[in-house]
Amino acid sequence: MTDYSKLPYRKCVGITLFNAEQQVFVGERMDSPGAWQMPQGGIDAGEDIQTAFFREMEEEIGTRQADILKIHDTPLRYDLPDHLMGKLWNGKYRGQEQYWVAARFTGDDSDIDIYAHTFPEFGKWQWVGLDNVLDLIVPFKRNTYAEVIDAFKEFTQE
């Protein structure tokens, strides 16, 4: 049996994208119907958080139209559940260490194209209230998302 506790965490950027109505973007994963999440993805070698943010945003939702509001001061970690351990990311990581970014979407809904990338991550997307996000998220990511919601709730208040 492999000891996954010795594996590192994958460095990742998470995107909390707010629209003008103070709702956040969530997408339903193409590979896991019913599993919704905010856009996120690995930070490539040599990238800073802002560069990774705009690259991942463009890859996952087809646009870079946003202004960064805040970068959470603490990276957040989650471990993969046992049934996914050793299967994702070629078995190189035990989970993710995420650097979360809050941003204001500056485009229109018509600018969003979840099929813009060669390998789309999402099959559907929607804007939801920040308080409703946890209801959509897979259980193993909920603690992380609760921290993100708490860190960025200031952007849902006038």
Protein backbone atom coordinates (compact mmCIF):
# COMPACT_ATOMS: atom_id res chain seq x y z
CA MET A 1 0.00 0.00 0.00
CA THR A 2 1.33 3.43 -0.97
CA ASP A 3 1.88 6.04 1.74
CA TYR A 4 0.34 9.13 0.16
CA SER A 5 1.02 11.28 3.24
CA LYS A 6 4.60 11.74 2.01
CA LEU A 7 3.48 13.27 -1.30
CA PRO A 8 3.58 17.06 -1.77
CA TYR A 9 0.63 19.33 -2.45
CA ARG A 10 0.04 20.65 -5.96
CA LYS A 11 0.38 24.45 -6.07
CA CYS A 12 -2.79 25.88 -7.50
CA VAL A 13 -4.68 29.13 -7.99
CA GLY A 14 -8.38 29.33 -7.12
CA ILE A 15 -10.66 31.95 -8.67
CA THR A 16 -13.59 33.56 -6.86
CA LEU A 17 -15.08 35.62 -9.67
CA PHE A 18 -17.82 38.08 -8.72
CA ASN A 19 -20.29 39.57 -11.19
CA ALA A 20 -21.99 42.96 -10.86
CA GLU A 21 -24.79 41.34 -8.80
CA GLN A 22 -22.19 40.05 -6.27
CA GLN A 23 -22.73 36.43 -7.31
CA VAL A 24 -19.83 34.07 -7.98
CA PHE A 25 -19.04 31.90 -10.98
CA VAL A 26 -19.25 28.13 -10.55
CA GLY A 27 -18.88 25.43 -13.17
CA GLU A 28 -20.01 21.81 -13.21
CA ARG A 29 -17.04 19.54 -13.87
CA MET A 30 -17.22 17.79 -17.21
CA ASP A 31 -15.69 14.62 -15.73
CA SER A 32 -17.96 14.55 -12.63
CA PRO A 33 -21.57 15.57 -13.29
CA GLY A 34 -23.06 17.11 -10.17
CA ALA A 35 -19.64 18.31 -8.93
CA TRP A 36 -19.49 22.10 -9.09
CA GLN A 37 -16.52 24.28 -8.28
CA MET A 38 -15.02 27.68 -8.84
CA PRO A 39 -12.31 27.79 -11.53
CA GLN A 40 -8.93 26.58 -10.34
CA GLY A 41 -5.76 25.12 -11.72
CA GLY A 42 -2.06 24.54 -11.29
CA ILE A 43 0.49 27.30 -11.05
CA ASP A 44 3.09 26.63 -13.74
CA ALA A 45 6.83 26.91 -13.14
CA GLY A 46 7.89 30.55 -13.21
CA GLU A 47 4.35 31.91 -12.81
CA ASP A 48 3.26 34.24 -10.06
CA ILE A 49 -0.27 34.08 -8.66
CA GLN A 50 -1.62 36.89 -10.86
CA THR A 51 -0.25 35.35 -14.06
CA ALA A 52 -1.66 31.93 -13.14
CA PHE A 53 -5.00 33.57 -12.27
CA PHE A 54 -5.45 35.15 -15.71
CA ARG A 55 -4.16 32.08 -17.60
CA GLU A 56 -6.47 29.70 -15.71
CA MET A 57 -9.42 32.07 -16.07
CA GLU A 58 -8.90 32.17 -19.82
CA GLU A 59 -8.41 28.39 -20.07
CA GLU A 60 -11.46 27.52 -17.99
CA ILE A 61 -13.98 30.23 -18.87
CA GLY A 62 -12.60 31.71 -22.07
CA THR A 63 -11.93 35.27 -20.92
CA ARG A 64 -9.47 37.41 -18.96
CA GLN A 65 -11.97 40.19 -18.29
CA ALA A 66 -11.54 40.78 -14.58
CA ASP A 67 -9.94 43.05 -12.04
CA ILE A 68 -8.23 41.42 -9.08
CA LEU A 69 -9.75 42.59 -5.78
CA LYS A 70 -7.72 40.58 -3.26
CA ILE A 71 -5.35 37.65 -2.97
CA HIS A 72 -6.03 35.63 0.18
CA ASP A 73 -3.01 35.93 2.47
CA THR A 74 -2.89 32.24 3.38
CA PRO A 75 -2.75 29.30 0.98
CA LEU A 76 -5.44 26.70 1.71
CA ARG A 77 -4.89 22.95 1.48
CA TYR A 78 -7.09 19.96 0.96
CA ASP A 79 -6.29 16.25 0.67
CA LEU A 80 -7.87 14.07 -1.96
CA PRO A 81 -10.27 11.41 -0.71
CA ASP A 82 -8.96 7.84 -0.66
CA HIS A 83 -10.77 6.82 -3.86
CA LEU A 84 -8.94 9.55 -5.85
CA MET A 85 -5.55 9.27 -4.17
CA GLY A 86 -2.90 8.16 -6.64
CA LYS A 87 -5.24 8.66 -9.62
CA LEU A 88 -5.21 12.42 -10.24
CA TRP A 89 -2.14 14.34 -11.44
CA ASN A 90 -0.34 11.08 -12.28
CA GLY A 91 -0.29 10.19 -8.58
CA LYS A 92 2.32 12.88 -7.81
CA TYR A 93 0.29 14.86 -5.24
CA ARG A 94 -1.80 14.17 -2.16
CA GLY A 95 -4.00 17.22 -2.69
CA GLN A 96 -3.77 20.89 -3.52
CA GLU A 97 -2.35 23.99 -1.89
CA GLN A 98 -4.50 26.76 -3.30
CA TYR A 99 -3.83 30.47 -3.53
CA TRP A 100 -7.29 32.03 -3.76
CA VAL A 101 -7.97 35.23 -5.67
CA ALA A 102 -11.12 37.35 -5.53
CA ALA A 103 -11.86 39.28 -8.73
CA ARG A 104 -14.60 41.38 -10.26
CA PHE A 105 -15.78 40.17 -13.68
CA THR A 106 -15.67 43.13 -16.05
CA GLY A 107 -17.20 41.48 -19.10
CA ASP A 108 -20.66 40.32 -20.10
CA ASP A 109 -22.01 36.79 -19.77
CA SER A 110 -21.63 36.47 -23.54
CA ASP A 111 -17.83 36.76 -23.05
CA ILE A 112 -17.79 33.50 -21.11
CA ASP A 113 -16.94 30.47 -23.26
CA ILE A 114 -16.37 27.32 -21.21
CA TYR A 115 -15.51 25.46 -24.43
CA ALA A 116 -12.72 27.86 -25.48
CA HIS A 117 -9.93 25.53 -24.30
CA THR A 118 -8.95 22.31 -26.08
CA PHE A 119 -9.89 20.29 -22.99
CA PRO A 120 -12.87 22.03 -21.35
CA GLU A 121 -13.18 21.57 -17.61
CA PHE A 122 -16.82 22.54 -17.26
CA GLY A 123 -19.95 21.34 -19.05
CA LYS A 124 -22.26 23.96 -17.47
CA TRP A 125 -21.83 27.15 -15.52
CA GLN A 126 -23.89 29.57 -13.46
CA TRP A 127 -23.70 32.57 -11.15
CA VAL A 128 -24.71 31.79 -7.56
CA GLY A 129 -24.80 33.64 -4.27
CA LEU A 130 -21.67 33.15 -2.22
CA ASP A 131 -23.82 31.74 0.60
CA ASN A 132 -25.11 29.00 -1.73
CA VAL A 133 -21.73 27.76 -2.98
CA LEU A 134 -21.19 25.12 -0.27
CA ASP A 135 -24.42 23.36 -1.28
CA LEU A 136 -22.87 22.59 -4.69
CA ILE A 137 -19.32 21.61 -3.73
CA VAL A 138 -18.06 18.04 -3.32
CA PRO A 139 -17.62 17.13 0.37
CA PHE A 140 -13.80 16.90 0.39
CA LYS A 141 -13.48 20.54 -0.77
CA ARG A 142 -16.13 22.06 1.52
CA ASN A 143 -13.80 23.08 4.36
CA THR A 144 -11.57 24.92 1.91
CA TYR A 145 -14.55 26.61 0.29
CA ALA A 146 -15.90 27.66 3.70
CA GLU A 147 -12.60 29.45 4.33
CA VAL A 148 -12.73 31.09 0.88
CA ILE A 149 -16.29 32.28 1.51
CA ASP A 150 -15.28 33.76 4.84
CA ALA A 151 -12.20 35.43 3.35
CA PHE A 152 -14.11 37.05 0.48
CA LYS A 153 -17.58 37.74 1.93
CA GLU A 154 -16.64 41.42 2.14
CA PHE A 155 -17.20 41.59 -1.64
CA THR A 156 -20.88 40.69 -1.28
CA GLN A 157 -21.70 43.67 0.91
CA GLU A 158 -22.42 47.16 -0.28
